[in-house]
Amino acid sequence: MQNALIIAAEETHSPLVPPLYDIVWSLVAFIVILLVFWRVIIPRITKMLDERTEAIEGGIKKAEAAQEQAAAALDEYNKQLAEARAEASRIREQARADANAIGNELREQAQADAARITANAQAQIEAERQSAVQSLRSEVGTLALDLASGVIGESLKDDEKSAAVVDRFLADLEASQGQSTQPAGEH
């Protein structure tokens, strides 16, 4: 009978199913390991993952804030650049206008100086011409008196007579020059 029990016990024992005591002890070990994981390891992993998440989110927020600041700085830079370009354009235009005004002023001053110098030169030329005419008149008058004295045979020392003779001689001289300067068909 013992053989029968051993055979019966052996028949109930399957190679694929472990004995009950192995299942119980395996289940106890699994529950202990599960509790250790649940109470110790999972909170540490969760804490570490939360810290990494916060760090990543903080980095993203900092990057977004830095990007917003960079965009604002870029907008400000573009605005200042546009203002600087407009100011440079205004300065260039003002410089051109000033240069044109100075050029016009210098041109007008040069024209005024040229007109003044020309007027002074013409006045000086006219004065020298008048002086030369007076000198020639007096020399021609003296020569005419000497010549007339020689032709007439009398002395023309009287001032009134001599002045009348000189004036008549110069008038005849000018009349003869006026006729010689006219074209041939107009005599």
N, C-alpha and C. Protein backbone atom coordinates (compact mmCIF):
# COMPACT_ATOMS: atom_id res chain seq x y z
N MET A 1 0.81 -1.13 0.00
CA MET A 1 0.00 0.00 0.00
C MET A 1 0.87 1.22 0.00
N GLN A 2 1.88 1.09 0.60
CA GLN A 2 2.78 2.20 0.57
C GLN A 2 3.26 2.44 -0.83
N ASN A 3 3.44 1.38 -1.48
CA ASN A 3 3.81 1.54 -2.88
C ASN A 3 2.71 2.23 -3.65
N ALA A 4 1.54 1.90 -3.28
CA ALA A 4 0.42 2.50 -3.98
C ALA A 4 0.32 3.98 -3.67
N LEU A 5 0.62 4.32 -2.47
CA LEU A 5 0.57 5.73 -2.10
C LEU A 5 1.70 6.50 -2.78
N ILE A 6 2.83 5.92 -2.83
CA ILE A 6 3.96 6.57 -3.47
C ILE A 6 3.66 6.72 -4.94
N ILE A 7 3.09 5.67 -5.51
CA ILE A 7 2.76 5.74 -6.92
C ILE A 7 1.66 6.76 -7.11
N ALA A 8 0.69 6.82 -6.22
CA ALA A 8 -0.40 7.78 -6.32
C ALA A 8 0.13 9.19 -6.12
N ALA A 9 1.08 9.35 -5.23
CA ALA A 9 1.66 10.66 -4.97
C ALA A 9 2.52 11.06 -6.15
N GLU A 10 3.17 10.09 -6.72
CA GLU A 10 3.98 10.41 -7.88
C GLU A 10 3.10 10.71 -9.07
N GLU A 11 1.99 10.11 -9.17
CA GLU A 11 1.10 10.34 -10.28
C GLU A 11 0.46 11.71 -10.19
N THR A 12 0.20 12.21 -9.04
CA THR A 12 -0.39 13.51 -8.89
C THR A 12 0.64 14.60 -9.09
N HIS A 13 1.85 14.32 -8.99
CA HIS A 13 2.92 15.31 -9.15
C HIS A 13 3.24 15.47 -10.64
N SER A 14 3.07 16.73 -11.17
CA SER A 14 3.29 16.99 -12.58
C SER A 14 4.63 17.72 -12.73
N PRO A 15 5.41 17.40 -13.76
CA PRO A 15 6.71 18.06 -13.93
C PRO A 15 6.57 19.54 -14.35
N LEU A 16 5.44 19.89 -14.85
CA LEU A 16 5.26 21.29 -15.26
C LEU A 16 4.77 22.17 -14.12
N VAL A 17 4.13 21.68 -13.19
CA VAL A 17 3.60 22.45 -12.05
C VAL A 17 4.52 22.19 -10.87
N PRO A 18 5.07 23.23 -10.26
CA PRO A 18 5.95 23.05 -9.11
C PRO A 18 5.13 22.66 -7.87
N PRO A 19 5.80 22.16 -6.91
CA PRO A 19 5.08 21.80 -5.69
C PRO A 19 4.55 23.05 -4.98
N LEU A 20 3.58 22.87 -4.14
CA LEU A 20 2.89 23.96 -3.48
C LEU A 20 3.81 24.76 -2.58
N TYR A 21 4.68 24.18 -1.89
CA TYR A 21 5.59 24.92 -1.00
C TYR A 21 6.52 25.84 -1.82
N ASP A 22 6.93 25.40 -3.03
CA ASP A 22 7.74 26.28 -3.89
C ASP A 22 6.92 27.49 -4.34
N ILE A 23 5.68 27.28 -4.63
CA ILE A 23 4.81 28.37 -5.07
C ILE A 23 4.62 29.34 -3.92
N VAL A 24 4.41 28.85 -2.69
CA VAL A 24 4.18 29.71 -1.53
C VAL A 24 5.43 30.51 -1.24
N TRP A 25 6.59 29.87 -1.16
CA TRP A 25 7.83 30.59 -0.86
C TRP A 25 8.18 31.57 -2.00
N SER A 26 7.92 31.22 -3.20
CA SER A 26 8.18 32.12 -4.34
C SER A 26 7.26 33.33 -4.25
N LEU A 27 6.01 33.07 -3.86
CA LEU A 27 5.05 34.16 -3.72
C LEU A 27 5.46 35.09 -2.58
N VAL A 28 5.95 34.57 -1.48
CA VAL A 28 6.41 35.40 -0.35
C VAL A 28 7.60 36.23 -0.79
N ALA A 29 8.55 35.61 -1.47
CA ALA A 29 9.74 36.35 -1.93
C ALA A 29 9.33 37.43 -2.94
N PHE A 30 8.38 37.12 -3.80
CA PHE A 30 7.92 38.10 -4.79
C PHE A 30 7.25 39.29 -4.10
N ILE A 31 6.44 39.02 -3.07
CA ILE A 31 5.75 40.10 -2.35
C ILE A 31 6.77 40.96 -1.61
N VAL A 32 7.79 40.35 -1.02
CA VAL A 32 8.83 41.13 -0.31
C VAL A 32 9.58 42.01 -1.31
N ILE A 33 9.97 41.44 -2.42
CA ILE A 33 10.70 42.22 -3.43
C ILE A 33 9.80 43.33 -3.99
N LEU A 34 8.51 43.00 -4.19
CA LEU A 34 7.56 43.99 -4.69
C LEU A 34 7.40 45.13 -3.69
N LEU A 35 7.32 44.83 -2.40
CA LEU A 35 7.21 45.87 -1.38
C LEU A 35 8.47 46.73 -1.34
N VAL A 36 9.63 46.11 -1.44
CA VAL A 36 10.89 46.88 -1.43
C VAL A 36 10.91 47.81 -2.65
N PHE A 37 10.55 47.29 -3.80
CA PHE A 37 10.50 48.14 -5.00
C PHE A 37 9.47 49.26 -4.81
N TRP A 38 8.26 48.89 -4.29
CA TRP A 38 7.17 49.85 -4.16
C TRP A 38 7.50 50.94 -3.16
N ARG A 39 8.16 50.61 -2.04
CA ARG A 39 8.42 51.57 -0.98
C ARG A 39 9.75 52.31 -1.13
N VAL A 40 10.77 51.70 -1.72
CA VAL A 40 12.10 52.31 -1.72
C VAL A 40 12.52 52.73 -3.14
N ILE A 41 12.55 51.84 -4.05
CA ILE A 41 13.16 52.09 -5.36
C ILE A 41 12.25 52.96 -6.23
N ILE A 42 10.97 52.67 -6.30
CA ILE A 42 10.07 53.46 -7.16
C ILE A 42 9.99 54.92 -6.69
N PRO A 43 9.90 55.24 -5.38
CA PRO A 43 9.90 56.66 -5.00
C PRO A 43 11.21 57.37 -5.38
N ARG A 44 12.33 56.68 -5.25
CA ARG A 44 13.61 57.29 -5.65
C ARG A 44 13.63 57.55 -7.16
N ILE A 45 13.19 56.58 -7.93
CA ILE A 45 13.16 56.75 -9.39
C ILE A 45 12.19 57.87 -9.76
N THR A 46 11.02 57.89 -9.09
CA THR A 46 10.03 58.93 -9.36
C THR A 46 10.60 60.30 -9.00
N LYS A 47 11.27 60.40 -7.86
CA LYS A 47 11.88 61.68 -7.44
C LYS A 47 12.92 62.12 -8.45
N MET A 48 13.76 61.18 -8.88
CA MET A 48 14.80 61.51 -9.85
C MET A 48 14.18 61.95 -11.19
N LEU A 49 13.15 61.27 -11.65
CA LEU A 49 12.47 61.63 -12.90
C LEU A 49 11.78 63.00 -12.76
N ASP A 50 11.18 63.26 -11.59
CA ASP A 50 10.54 64.57 -11.37
C ASP A 50 11.58 65.69 -11.40
N GLU A 51 12.74 65.45 -10.78
CA GLU A 51 13.81 66.45 -10.79
C GLU A 51 14.29 66.71 -12.22
N ARG A 52 14.46 65.66 -12.98
CA ARG A 52 14.89 65.81 -14.37
C ARG A 52 13.82 66.54 -15.18
N THR A 53 12.55 66.22 -14.93
CA THR A 53 11.45 66.89 -15.63
C THR A 53 11.44 68.38 -15.29
N GLU A 54 11.61 68.69 -14.00
CA GLU A 54 11.64 70.10 -13.58
C GLU A 54 12.84 70.82 -14.19
N ALA A 55 13.97 70.14 -14.22
CA ALA A 55 15.16 70.76 -14.82
C ALA A 55 14.94 71.01 -16.31
N ILE A 56 14.37 70.05 -16.98
CA ILE A 56 14.12 70.20 -18.42
C ILE A 56 13.10 71.31 -18.66
N GLU A 57 12.00 71.31 -17.87
CA GLU A 57 10.99 72.35 -18.02
C GLU A 57 11.56 73.72 -17.68
N GLY A 58 12.40 73.80 -16.63
CA GLY A 58 13.05 75.07 -16.28
C GLY A 58 13.97 75.54 -17.40
N GLY A 59 14.70 74.59 -17.98
CA GLY A 59 15.57 74.94 -19.12
C GLY A 59 14.77 75.41 -20.31
N ILE A 60 13.63 74.76 -20.55
CA ILE A 60 12.77 75.17 -21.66
C ILE A 60 12.21 76.57 -21.40
N LYS A 61 11.78 76.81 -20.14
CA LYS A 61 11.25 78.14 -19.80
C LYS A 61 12.34 79.20 -19.93
N LYS A 62 13.54 78.87 -19.46
CA LYS A 62 14.66 79.82 -19.58
C LYS A 62 14.98 80.07 -21.05
N ALA A 63 14.95 79.01 -21.85
CA ALA A 63 15.23 79.16 -23.28
C ALA A 63 14.14 80.01 -23.95
N GLU A 64 12.88 79.78 -23.56
CA GLU A 64 11.80 80.59 -24.13
C GLU A 64 11.95 82.05 -23.72
N ALA A 65 12.28 82.27 -22.43
CA ALA A 65 12.48 83.65 -21.95
C ALA A 65 13.66 84.29 -22.67
N ALA A 66 14.74 83.54 -22.83
CA ALA A 66 15.91 84.07 -23.55
C ALA A 66 15.56 84.35 -25.00
N GLN A 67 14.76 83.48 -25.60
CA GLN A 67 14.35 83.69 -26.99
C GLN A 67 13.48 84.93 -27.10
N GLU A 68 12.57 85.14 -26.15
CA GLU A 68 11.74 86.34 -26.15
C GLU A 68 12.59 87.59 -25.96
N GLN A 69 13.57 87.52 -25.04
CA GLN A 69 14.47 88.66 -24.84
C GLN A 69 15.29 88.92 -26.10
N ALA A 70 15.74 87.86 -26.74
CA ALA A 70 16.52 88.04 -27.97
C ALA A 70 15.66 88.65 -29.07
N ALA A 71 14.41 88.21 -29.16
CA ALA A 71 13.50 88.78 -30.16
C ALA A 71 13.24 90.25 -29.86
N ALA A 72 13.04 90.57 -28.57
CA ALA A 72 12.82 91.98 -28.18
C ALA A 72 14.07 92.80 -28.46
N ALA A 73 15.24 92.25 -28.14
CA ALA A 73 16.50 92.96 -28.41
C ALA A 73 16.70 93.15 -29.91
N LEU A 74 16.34 92.14 -30.70
CA LEU A 74 16.46 92.25 -32.15
C LEU A 74 15.52 93.33 -32.68
N ASP A 75 14.28 93.36 -32.17
CA ASP A 75 13.34 94.40 -32.58
C ASP A 75 13.87 95.78 -32.21
N GLU A 76 14.41 95.91 -31.00
CA GLU A 76 14.97 97.20 -30.56
C GLU A 76 16.17 97.58 -31.42
N TYR A 77 17.01 96.60 -31.71
CA TYR A 77 18.17 96.85 -32.57
C TYR A 77 17.74 97.32 -33.95
N ASN A 78 16.75 96.62 -34.53
CA ASN A 78 16.24 97.01 -35.86
C ASN A 78 15.64 98.40 -35.83
N LYS A 79 14.93 98.71 -34.74
CA LYS A 79 14.33 100.04 -34.60
C LYS A 79 15.43 101.10 -34.50
N GLN A 80 16.44 100.85 -33.67
CA GLN A 80 17.55 101.80 -33.54
C GLN A 80 18.32 101.93 -34.84
N LEU A 81 18.49 100.82 -35.54
CA LEU A 81 19.19 100.85 -36.82
C LEU A 81 18.42 101.68 -37.84
N ALA A 82 17.11 101.51 -37.87
CA ALA A 82 16.28 102.31 -38.78
C ALA A 82 16.36 103.79 -38.42
N GLU A 83 16.32 104.09 -37.11
CA GLU A 83 16.44 105.48 -36.67
C GLU A 83 17.81 106.05 -37.04
N ALA A 84 18.85 105.25 -36.85
CA ALA A 84 20.20 105.71 -37.19
C ALA A 84 20.33 105.95 -38.69
N ARG A 85 19.74 105.07 -39.49
CA ARG A 85 19.79 105.27 -40.94
C ARG A 85 19.02 106.53 -41.34
N ALA A 86 17.86 106.75 -40.71
CA ALA A 86 17.08 107.95 -41.02
C ALA A 86 17.86 109.19 -40.60
N GLU A 87 18.49 109.14 -39.43
CA GLU A 87 19.29 110.29 -38.95
C GLU A 87 20.47 110.53 -39.88
N ALA A 88 21.13 109.46 -40.31
CA ALA A 88 22.26 109.61 -41.24
C ALA A 88 21.79 110.22 -42.55
N SER A 89 20.61 109.80 -43.01
CA SER A 89 20.06 110.36 -44.24
C SER A 89 19.75 111.84 -44.06
N ARG A 90 19.17 112.20 -42.92
CA ARG A 90 18.88 113.62 -42.65
C ARG A 90 20.18 114.42 -42.59
N ILE A 91 21.19 113.86 -41.96
CA ILE A 91 22.48 114.57 -41.85
C ILE A 91 23.09 114.74 -43.23
N ARG A 92 23.03 113.69 -44.07
CA ARG A 92 23.56 113.80 -45.43
C ARG A 92 22.83 114.88 -46.22
N GLU A 93 21.50 114.88 -46.11
CA GLU A 93 20.71 115.87 -46.85
C GLU A 93 21.02 117.27 -46.34
N GLN A 94 21.17 117.42 -45.02
CA GLN A 94 21.50 118.73 -44.46
C GLN A 94 22.88 119.17 -44.92
N ALA A 95 23.82 118.22 -44.96
CA ALA A 95 25.18 118.55 -45.42
C ALA A 95 25.15 118.96 -46.89
N ARG A 96 24.35 118.25 -47.70
CA ARG A 96 24.24 118.63 -49.11
C ARG A 96 23.65 120.03 -49.25
N ALA A 97 22.59 120.28 -48.47
CA ALA A 97 21.96 121.61 -48.53
C ALA A 97 22.94 122.68 -48.07
N ASP A 98 23.68 122.41 -46.99
CA ASP A 98 24.68 123.36 -46.51
C ASP A 98 25.77 123.58 -47.55
N ALA A 99 26.21 122.49 -48.18
CA ALA A 99 27.26 122.60 -49.20
C ALA A 99 26.75 123.43 -50.38
N ASN A 100 25.50 123.18 -50.79
CA ASN A 100 24.93 123.96 -51.90
C ASN A 100 24.82 125.43 -51.51
N ALA A 101 24.38 125.68 -50.27
CA ALA A 101 24.24 127.07 -49.82
C ALA A 101 25.61 127.75 -49.77
N ILE A 102 26.60 127.04 -49.24
CA ILE A 102 27.96 127.61 -49.16
C ILE A 102 28.50 127.83 -50.56
N GLY A 103 28.26 126.86 -51.46
CA GLY A 103 28.72 126.99 -52.84
C GLY A 103 28.06 128.20 -53.51
N ASN A 104 26.75 128.34 -53.32
CA ASN A 104 26.05 129.50 -53.90
C ASN A 104 26.58 130.80 -53.32
N GLU A 105 26.78 130.80 -52.00
CA GLU A 105 27.29 132.00 -51.35
C GLU A 105 28.68 132.36 -51.86
N LEU A 106 29.54 131.34 -51.99
CA LEU A 106 30.89 131.59 -52.50
C LEU A 106 30.84 132.06 -53.96
N ARG A 107 29.93 131.46 -54.75
CA ARG A 107 29.78 131.86 -56.14
C ARG A 107 29.33 133.32 -56.23
N GLU A 108 28.34 133.68 -55.41
CA GLU A 108 27.85 135.05 -55.40
C GLU A 108 28.95 136.02 -54.94
N GLN A 109 29.68 135.61 -53.92
CA GLN A 109 30.77 136.45 -53.41
C GLN A 109 31.85 136.60 -54.48
N ALA A 110 32.16 135.50 -55.17
CA ALA A 110 33.17 135.57 -56.23
C ALA A 110 32.69 136.46 -57.37
N GLN A 111 31.39 136.36 -57.71
CA GLN A 111 30.85 137.21 -58.76
C GLN A 111 30.88 138.67 -58.33
N ALA A 112 30.54 138.93 -57.06
CA ALA A 112 30.58 140.30 -56.56
C ALA A 112 32.01 140.83 -56.56
N ASP A 113 32.95 139.97 -56.11
CA ASP A 113 34.37 140.38 -56.12
C ASP A 113 34.83 140.63 -57.55
N ALA A 114 34.43 139.76 -58.47
CA ALA A 114 34.83 139.94 -59.87
C ALA A 114 34.24 141.23 -60.43
N ALA A 115 32.96 141.49 -60.10
CA ALA A 115 32.34 142.72 -60.59
C ALA A 115 33.04 143.95 -60.00
N ARG A 116 33.37 143.87 -58.71
CA ARG A 116 34.06 144.99 -58.06
C ARG A 116 35.44 145.20 -58.67
N ILE A 117 36.16 144.08 -58.86
CA ILE A 117 37.51 144.19 -59.46
C ILE A 117 37.40 144.74 -60.88
N THR A 118 36.41 144.25 -61.64
CA THR A 118 36.21 144.73 -63.02
C THR A 118 35.88 146.22 -63.01
N ALA A 119 34.98 146.63 -62.10
CA ALA A 119 34.61 148.04 -62.02
C ALA A 119 35.82 148.89 -61.65
N ASN A 120 36.62 148.41 -60.67
CA ASN A 120 37.83 149.15 -60.28
C ASN A 120 38.80 149.23 -61.45
N ALA A 121 38.96 148.13 -62.17
CA ALA A 121 39.88 148.11 -63.30
C ALA A 121 39.39 149.06 -64.39
N GLN A 122 38.08 149.03 -64.65
CA GLN A 122 37.54 149.93 -65.68
C GLN A 122 37.69 151.38 -65.26
N ALA A 123 37.46 151.64 -63.96
CA ALA A 123 37.63 153.02 -63.48
C ALA A 123 39.09 153.44 -63.60
N GLN A 124 40.00 152.54 -63.25
CA GLN A 124 41.43 152.85 -63.35
C GLN A 124 41.83 153.05 -64.81
N ILE A 125 41.31 152.18 -65.68
CA ILE A 125 41.62 152.32 -67.12
C ILE A 125 41.08 153.65 -67.63
N GLU A 126 39.85 153.99 -67.23
CA GLU A 126 39.26 155.25 -67.67
C GLU A 126 40.07 156.43 -67.14
N ALA A 127 40.52 156.35 -65.87
CA ALA A 127 41.32 157.43 -65.30
C ALA A 127 42.65 157.55 -66.05
N GLU A 128 43.27 156.41 -66.35
CA GLU A 128 44.53 156.45 -67.09
C GLU A 128 44.31 156.96 -68.51
N ARG A 129 43.19 156.59 -69.12
CA ARG A 129 42.88 157.10 -70.46
C ARG A 129 42.68 158.61 -70.43
N GLN A 130 41.95 159.07 -69.43
CA GLN A 130 41.74 160.51 -69.30
C GLN A 130 43.07 161.23 -69.08
N SER A 131 43.91 160.61 -68.23
CA SER A 131 45.23 161.20 -67.97
C SER A 131 46.06 161.23 -69.25
N ALA A 132 45.99 160.12 -70.03
CA ALA A 132 46.74 160.06 -71.28
C ALA A 132 46.20 161.08 -72.28
N VAL A 133 44.85 161.22 -72.34
CA VAL A 133 44.25 162.20 -73.25
C VAL A 133 44.69 163.61 -72.85
N GLN A 134 44.69 163.90 -71.57
CA GLN A 134 45.11 165.23 -71.09
C GLN A 134 46.57 165.47 -71.43
N SER A 135 47.37 164.45 -71.20
CA SER A 135 48.80 164.59 -71.48
C SER A 135 49.01 164.80 -72.98
N LEU A 136 48.29 164.00 -73.80
CA LEU A 136 48.42 164.16 -75.25
C LEU A 136 47.90 165.53 -75.70
N ARG A 137 46.80 165.98 -75.12
CA ARG A 137 46.26 167.28 -75.48
C ARG A 137 47.30 168.37 -75.17
N SER A 138 47.90 168.27 -74.02
CA SER A 138 48.85 169.33 -73.67
C SER A 138 50.07 169.26 -74.57
N GLU A 139 50.55 168.03 -74.87
CA GLU A 139 51.71 167.92 -75.75
C GLU A 139 51.36 168.34 -77.18
N VAL A 140 50.18 167.88 -77.64
CA VAL A 140 49.75 168.25 -78.99
C VAL A 140 49.53 169.76 -79.04
N GLY A 141 48.97 170.29 -77.99
CA GLY A 141 48.76 171.74 -77.94
C GLY A 141 50.07 172.50 -78.03
N THR A 142 51.06 172.06 -77.28
CA THR A 142 52.36 172.73 -77.30
C THR A 142 52.98 172.60 -78.68
N LEU A 143 52.91 171.40 -79.25
CA LEU A 143 53.46 171.20 -80.58
C LEU A 143 52.69 172.02 -81.63
N ALA A 144 51.39 172.09 -81.48
CA ALA A 144 50.58 172.86 -82.43
C ALA A 144 50.91 174.34 -82.33
N LEU A 145 51.11 174.81 -81.12
CA LEU A 145 51.46 176.22 -80.95
C LEU A 145 52.83 176.51 -81.58
N ASP A 146 53.76 175.63 -81.34
CA ASP A 146 55.09 175.82 -81.93
C ASP A 146 55.00 175.78 -83.45
N LEU A 147 54.24 174.85 -83.97
CA LEU A 147 54.08 174.73 -85.41
C LEU A 147 53.35 175.94 -85.99
N ALA A 148 52.29 176.33 -85.31
CA ALA A 148 51.53 177.48 -85.78
C ALA A 148 52.38 178.75 -85.70
N SER A 149 53.18 178.86 -84.66
CA SER A 149 54.06 180.03 -84.54
C SER A 149 55.04 180.05 -85.70
N GLY A 150 55.52 178.92 -86.07
CA GLY A 150 56.47 178.85 -87.17
C GLY A 150 55.79 179.15 -88.49
N VAL A 151 54.56 178.71 -88.69
CA VAL A 151 53.86 178.93 -89.96
C VAL A 151 53.41 180.39 -90.05
N ILE A 152 52.87 180.89 -89.01
CA ILE A 152 52.35 182.25 -89.03
C ILE A 152 53.49 183.25 -88.94
N GLY A 153 54.42 182.92 -88.26
CA GLY A 153 55.54 183.83 -88.09
C GLY A 153 55.32 184.74 -86.91
N GLU A 154 54.34 184.55 -86.13
CA GLU A 154 54.13 185.37 -84.94
C GLU A 154 54.20 184.45 -83.73
N SER A 155 54.42 185.09 -82.66
CA SER A 155 54.47 184.36 -81.40
C SER A 155 53.06 184.24 -80.86
N LEU A 156 52.70 183.02 -80.50
CA LEU A 156 51.36 182.79 -79.96
C LEU A 156 51.46 182.53 -78.46
N LYS A 157 52.01 183.46 -77.79
CA LYS A 157 52.22 183.30 -76.35
C LYS A 157 50.98 183.71 -75.57
N ASP A 158 50.05 184.39 -76.20
CA ASP A 158 48.83 184.80 -75.51
C ASP A 158 48.01 183.55 -75.22
N ASP A 159 47.58 183.43 -74.01
CA ASP A 159 46.90 182.21 -73.58
C ASP A 159 45.57 182.03 -74.28
N GLU A 160 44.82 183.08 -74.44
CA GLU A 160 43.51 182.96 -75.07
C GLU A 160 43.66 182.59 -76.53
N LYS A 161 44.57 183.23 -77.22
CA LYS A 161 44.80 182.91 -78.62
C LYS A 161 45.30 181.49 -78.75
N SER A 162 46.27 181.16 -77.93
CA SER A 162 46.85 179.82 -78.03
C SER A 162 45.82 178.75 -77.71
N ALA A 163 44.97 178.97 -76.73
CA ALA A 163 43.96 178.00 -76.36
C ALA A 163 42.97 177.84 -77.51
N ALA A 164 42.60 178.96 -78.19
CA ALA A 164 41.67 178.89 -79.30
C ALA A 164 42.29 178.14 -80.46
N VAL A 165 43.57 178.38 -80.76
CA VAL A 165 44.25 177.70 -81.85
C VAL A 165 44.34 176.21 -81.55
N VAL A 166 44.70 175.85 -80.33
CA VAL A 166 44.84 174.43 -79.95
C VAL A 166 43.50 173.74 -80.05
N ASP A 167 42.46 174.38 -79.56
CA ASP A 167 41.13 173.74 -79.60
C ASP A 167 40.69 173.53 -81.04
N ARG A 168 40.90 174.52 -81.91
CA ARG A 168 40.52 174.41 -83.31
C ARG A 168 41.32 173.30 -83.99
N PHE A 169 42.61 173.20 -83.67
CA PHE A 169 43.48 172.18 -84.26
C PHE A 169 43.03 170.78 -83.83
N LEU A 170 42.73 170.62 -82.55
CA LEU A 170 42.30 169.31 -82.04
C LEU A 170 40.94 168.94 -82.63
N ALA A 171 40.04 169.93 -82.80
CA ALA A 171 38.74 169.65 -83.40
C ALA A 171 38.91 169.22 -84.84
N ASP A 172 39.78 169.89 -85.58
CA ASP A 172 40.04 169.48 -86.96
C ASP A 172 40.65 168.08 -87.00
N LEU A 173 41.55 167.81 -86.08
CA LEU A 173 42.22 166.51 -86.01
C LEU A 173 41.19 165.40 -85.73
N GLU A 174 40.31 165.64 -84.78
CA GLU A 174 39.29 164.64 -84.43
C GLU A 174 38.33 164.45 -85.59
N ALA A 175 37.98 165.54 -86.29
CA ALA A 175 37.08 165.44 -87.43
C ALA A 175 37.72 164.64 -88.54
N SER A 176 38.99 164.86 -88.77
CA SER A 176 39.66 164.11 -89.84
C SER A 176 39.79 162.63 -89.46
N GLN A 177 39.96 162.32 -88.18
CA GLN A 177 40.02 160.91 -87.74
C GLN A 177 38.65 160.27 -87.82
N GLY A 178 37.60 161.00 -87.52
CA GLY A 178 36.25 160.48 -87.62
C GLY A 178 35.89 160.13 -89.02
N GLN A 179 36.33 160.90 -90.00
CA GLN A 179 36.05 160.62 -91.40
C GLN A 179 36.86 159.43 -91.89
N SER A 180 38.06 159.27 -91.40
CA SER A 180 38.91 158.16 -91.87
C SER A 180 38.46 156.83 -91.28
N THR A 181 37.75 156.83 -90.14
CA THR A 181 37.29 155.57 -89.56
C THR A 181 35.96 155.13 -90.14
N GLN A 182 35.26 156.02 -90.89
CA GLN A 182 34.01 155.64 -91.51
C GLN A 182 34.29 154.76 -92.73
N PRO A 183 33.38 153.84 -93.07
CA PRO A 183 33.57 153.02 -94.25
C PRO A 183 33.59 153.87 -95.50
N ALA A 184 34.13 153.36 -96.56
CA ALA A 184 34.40 154.11 -97.80
C ALA A 184 33.13 154.63 -98.44
N GLY A 185 32.01 153.96 -98.33
CA GLY A 185 30.79 154.38 -99.00
C GLY A 185 30.07 155.48 -98.26
N GLU A 186 30.49 155.88 -97.05
CA GLU A 186 29.75 156.84 -96.25
C GLU A 186 30.38 158.21 -96.27
N HIS A 187 31.43 158.56 -97.00
CA HIS A 187 32.08 159.88 -96.98
C HIS A 187 31.17 160.87 -97.47
